[in-house]
Structure formats: structure tokens, C-alpha cells
């Protein structure tokens, strides 16, 4: 298996400590950028690098290394 190494130091690829120590496993993580839920016409399922790049594209954020 091959995995991209480009995001190892990027903050978007890491969980916060409180996400790991409290709460429970979430199979689906909600998209907090959606403001008009009834207006959503398409849902895209993604994980890993594709998911991070999609989120960065929507929010306009950039890759940031620690």
C-alpha cells in the first residue's frame, strides 16, 4: 500500500486531543461549511488526501506545516 506523505505535518490531517479522549466514534463527520442543508443536491464521499483537499478547496485554506 502506498500513502501520500505530503500531509504528515499538516494540521488538517491530525485529530485534536479532545476528539480522541472524549465523545464517541463518528462514522460521518458533518460538514460545518454547509449553510443551506435543504439546498444540498449532491453528496461526495471521500477520505484521506481527497477529503482534505476538498475541504481546503471549499474553505480557501492552504496547506500548513507545523
N, C-alpha and C. Protein backbone atom coordinates (compact mmCIF):
# COMPACT_ATOMS: atom_id res chain seq x y z
N UNK A 1 0.84 -1.17 0.00
CA UNK A 1 0.00 0.00 0.00
C UNK A 1 0.89 1.23 0.00
N UNK A 2 0.47 2.21 -0.75
CA UNK A 2 1.19 3.47 -0.83
C UNK A 2 0.29 4.58 -0.31
N UNK A 3 0.84 5.44 0.52
CA UNK A 3 0.06 6.56 1.04
C UNK A 3 0.82 7.85 0.81
N UNK A 4 0.11 8.97 0.59
CA UNK A 4 0.80 10.24 0.39
C UNK A 4 1.43 10.73 1.70
N UNK A 5 2.65 11.19 1.61
CA UNK A 5 3.36 11.68 2.79
C UNK A 5 3.27 13.20 2.94
N UNK A 6 2.66 13.85 1.95
CA UNK A 6 2.64 15.31 1.93
C UNK A 6 1.89 15.93 3.11
N UNK A 7 0.96 15.21 3.70
CA UNK A 7 0.16 15.80 4.77
C UNK A 7 0.56 15.41 6.17
N UNK A 8 1.66 14.71 6.34
CA UNK A 8 2.04 14.22 7.66
C UNK A 8 2.20 15.32 8.70
N UNK A 9 2.67 16.48 8.29
CA UNK A 9 2.88 17.57 9.24
C UNK A 9 1.80 18.65 9.15
N UNK A 10 0.82 18.43 8.32
CA UNK A 10 -0.24 19.42 8.12
C UNK A 10 -1.30 19.29 9.21
N UNK A 11 -1.73 20.40 9.76
CA UNK A 11 -2.69 20.38 10.86
C UNK A 11 -4.06 19.84 10.44
N UNK A 12 -4.39 19.89 9.15
CA UNK A 12 -5.68 19.39 8.68
C UNK A 12 -5.77 17.86 8.74
N UNK A 13 -4.64 17.19 8.86
CA UNK A 13 -4.62 15.73 8.85
C UNK A 13 -4.62 15.13 10.24
N UNK A 14 -4.59 15.96 11.26
CA UNK A 14 -4.48 15.46 12.63
C UNK A 14 -5.76 15.71 13.40
N UNK A 15 -6.08 14.79 14.30
CA UNK A 15 -7.21 14.99 15.20
C UNK A 15 -6.72 15.74 16.44
N UNK A 16 -7.60 16.54 16.99
CA UNK A 16 -7.27 17.21 18.24
C UNK A 16 -7.34 16.19 19.37
N UNK A 17 -6.61 16.43 20.44
CA UNK A 17 -6.58 15.50 21.58
C UNK A 17 -7.97 15.30 22.16
N UNK A 18 -8.76 16.38 22.27
CA UNK A 18 -10.09 16.25 22.85
C UNK A 18 -11.00 15.38 21.98
N UNK A 19 -10.75 15.31 20.67
CA UNK A 19 -11.53 14.44 19.81
C UNK A 19 -11.23 12.97 20.07
N UNK A 20 -10.03 12.69 20.56
CA UNK A 20 -9.62 11.32 20.83
C UNK A 20 -9.95 10.86 22.24
N UNK A 21 -10.06 11.79 23.18
CA UNK A 21 -10.25 11.43 24.58
C UNK A 21 -11.68 11.53 25.07
N UNK A 22 -12.55 12.19 24.32
CA UNK A 22 -13.94 12.32 24.75
C UNK A 22 -14.87 12.07 23.56
N UNK A 23 -16.11 11.87 23.87
CA UNK A 23 -17.08 11.63 22.81
C UNK A 23 -17.06 10.19 22.35
N UNK A 24 -17.46 9.99 21.11
CA UNK A 24 -17.51 8.64 20.56
C UNK A 24 -17.12 8.68 19.09
N UNK A 25 -16.98 7.50 18.52
CA UNK A 25 -16.60 7.40 17.11
C UNK A 25 -17.74 7.95 16.24
N UNK A 26 -17.37 8.77 15.26
CA UNK A 26 -18.36 9.33 14.33
C UNK A 26 -18.12 8.74 12.95
N UNK A 27 -19.07 7.96 12.46
CA UNK A 27 -18.92 7.37 11.13
C UNK A 27 -18.96 8.44 10.05
N UNK A 28 -19.78 9.46 10.28
CA UNK A 28 -19.89 10.57 9.33
C UNK A 28 -19.58 11.85 10.08
N UNK A 29 -18.62 12.59 9.59
CA UNK A 29 -18.26 13.87 10.20
C UNK A 29 -19.04 14.96 9.47
N UNK A 30 -19.84 15.75 10.17
CA UNK A 30 -20.65 16.77 9.50
C UNK A 30 -19.79 17.86 8.86
N UNK A 31 -20.29 18.38 7.76
CA UNK A 31 -19.61 19.48 7.06
C UNK A 31 -20.11 20.79 7.66
N UNK A 32 -19.28 21.45 8.41
CA UNK A 32 -19.69 22.67 9.10
C UNK A 32 -19.76 23.88 8.17
N UNK A 33 -19.33 23.74 6.92
CA UNK A 33 -19.38 24.86 5.98
C UNK A 33 -20.71 24.97 5.26
N UNK A 34 -21.58 23.97 5.40
CA UNK A 34 -22.88 23.98 4.73
C UNK A 34 -23.82 24.90 5.50
N UNK A 35 -24.37 25.90 4.80
CA UNK A 35 -25.29 26.84 5.45
C UNK A 35 -26.73 26.62 5.03
N UNK A 36 -26.94 25.91 3.92
CA UNK A 36 -28.29 25.66 3.41
C UNK A 36 -28.47 24.16 3.19
N UNK A 37 -28.65 23.40 4.28
CA UNK A 37 -28.75 21.94 4.19
C UNK A 37 -29.85 21.46 3.25
N UNK A 38 -31.05 22.06 3.26
CA UNK A 38 -32.08 21.59 2.33
C UNK A 38 -31.72 21.84 0.85
N UNK A 39 -30.81 22.76 0.61
CA UNK A 39 -30.42 23.07 -0.76
C UNK A 39 -29.31 22.17 -1.32
N UNK A 40 -28.80 21.25 -0.49
CA UNK A 40 -27.74 20.35 -0.94
C UNK A 40 -28.31 19.38 -1.98
N UNK A 41 -27.64 19.32 -3.14
CA UNK A 41 -28.12 18.45 -4.22
C UNK A 41 -27.20 17.26 -4.45
N UNK A 42 -25.98 17.32 -3.96
CA UNK A 42 -25.02 16.26 -4.20
C UNK A 42 -24.14 16.06 -2.97
N UNK A 43 -23.93 14.81 -2.63
CA UNK A 43 -23.04 14.46 -1.52
C UNK A 43 -21.89 13.65 -2.09
N UNK A 44 -20.68 14.04 -1.74
CA UNK A 44 -19.49 13.34 -2.21
C UNK A 44 -18.82 12.68 -1.00
N UNK A 45 -18.60 11.38 -1.09
CA UNK A 45 -17.92 10.66 -0.03
C UNK A 45 -16.45 10.56 -0.36
N UNK A 46 -15.60 10.95 0.58
CA UNK A 46 -14.16 10.91 0.34
C UNK A 46 -13.44 10.69 1.67
N UNK A 47 -12.20 10.26 1.56
CA UNK A 47 -11.39 10.08 2.76
C UNK A 47 -9.94 10.41 2.43
N UNK A 48 -9.14 10.55 3.46
CA UNK A 48 -7.72 10.78 3.26
C UNK A 48 -7.42 12.08 2.55
N UNK A 49 -6.45 12.02 1.64
CA UNK A 49 -5.96 13.21 0.95
C UNK A 49 -7.06 13.89 0.15
N UNK A 50 -7.91 13.11 -0.50
CA UNK A 50 -9.00 13.69 -1.31
C UNK A 50 -9.94 14.50 -0.42
N UNK A 51 -10.25 13.97 0.75
CA UNK A 51 -11.13 14.67 1.69
C UNK A 51 -10.51 15.99 2.16
N UNK A 52 -9.24 15.95 2.52
CA UNK A 52 -8.55 17.16 2.98
C UNK A 52 -8.48 18.19 1.87
N UNK A 53 -8.13 17.77 0.67
CA UNK A 53 -8.04 18.71 -0.45
C UNK A 53 -9.40 19.30 -0.80
N UNK A 54 -10.48 18.52 -0.69
CA UNK A 54 -11.82 19.05 -0.95
C UNK A 54 -12.19 20.10 0.09
N UNK A 55 -11.89 19.82 1.35
CA UNK A 55 -12.19 20.79 2.41
C UNK A 55 -11.40 22.08 2.21
N UNK A 56 -10.13 21.96 1.87
CA UNK A 56 -9.30 23.14 1.65
C UNK A 56 -9.80 23.94 0.46
N UNK A 57 -10.29 23.26 -0.54
CA UNK A 57 -10.83 23.93 -1.72
C UNK A 57 -12.07 24.75 -1.38
N UNK A 58 -12.93 24.19 -0.55
CA UNK A 58 -14.17 24.88 -0.17
C UNK A 58 -13.89 26.05 0.76
N UNK A 59 -12.99 25.85 1.73
CA UNK A 59 -12.74 26.89 2.73
C UNK A 59 -11.73 27.93 2.27
N UNK A 60 -10.97 27.61 1.22
CA UNK A 60 -9.97 28.55 0.74
C UNK A 60 -8.69 28.54 1.55
N UNK A 61 -8.58 27.58 2.47
CA UNK A 61 -7.38 27.47 3.30
C UNK A 61 -6.24 26.89 2.48
N UNK A 62 -5.04 26.95 3.02
CA UNK A 62 -3.87 26.43 2.33
C UNK A 62 -3.21 25.37 3.20
N UNK A 63 -2.38 24.53 2.57
CA UNK A 63 -1.60 23.55 3.31
C UNK A 63 -0.71 24.28 4.28
N UNK A 64 -0.66 23.82 5.51
CA UNK A 64 0.20 24.45 6.51
C UNK A 64 0.99 23.39 7.25
N UNK A 65 2.28 23.51 7.27
CA UNK A 65 3.11 22.57 8.01
C UNK A 65 3.32 23.07 9.41
N UNK A 66 3.52 22.16 10.31
CA UNK A 66 3.79 22.54 11.70
C UNK A 66 5.16 23.10 11.85
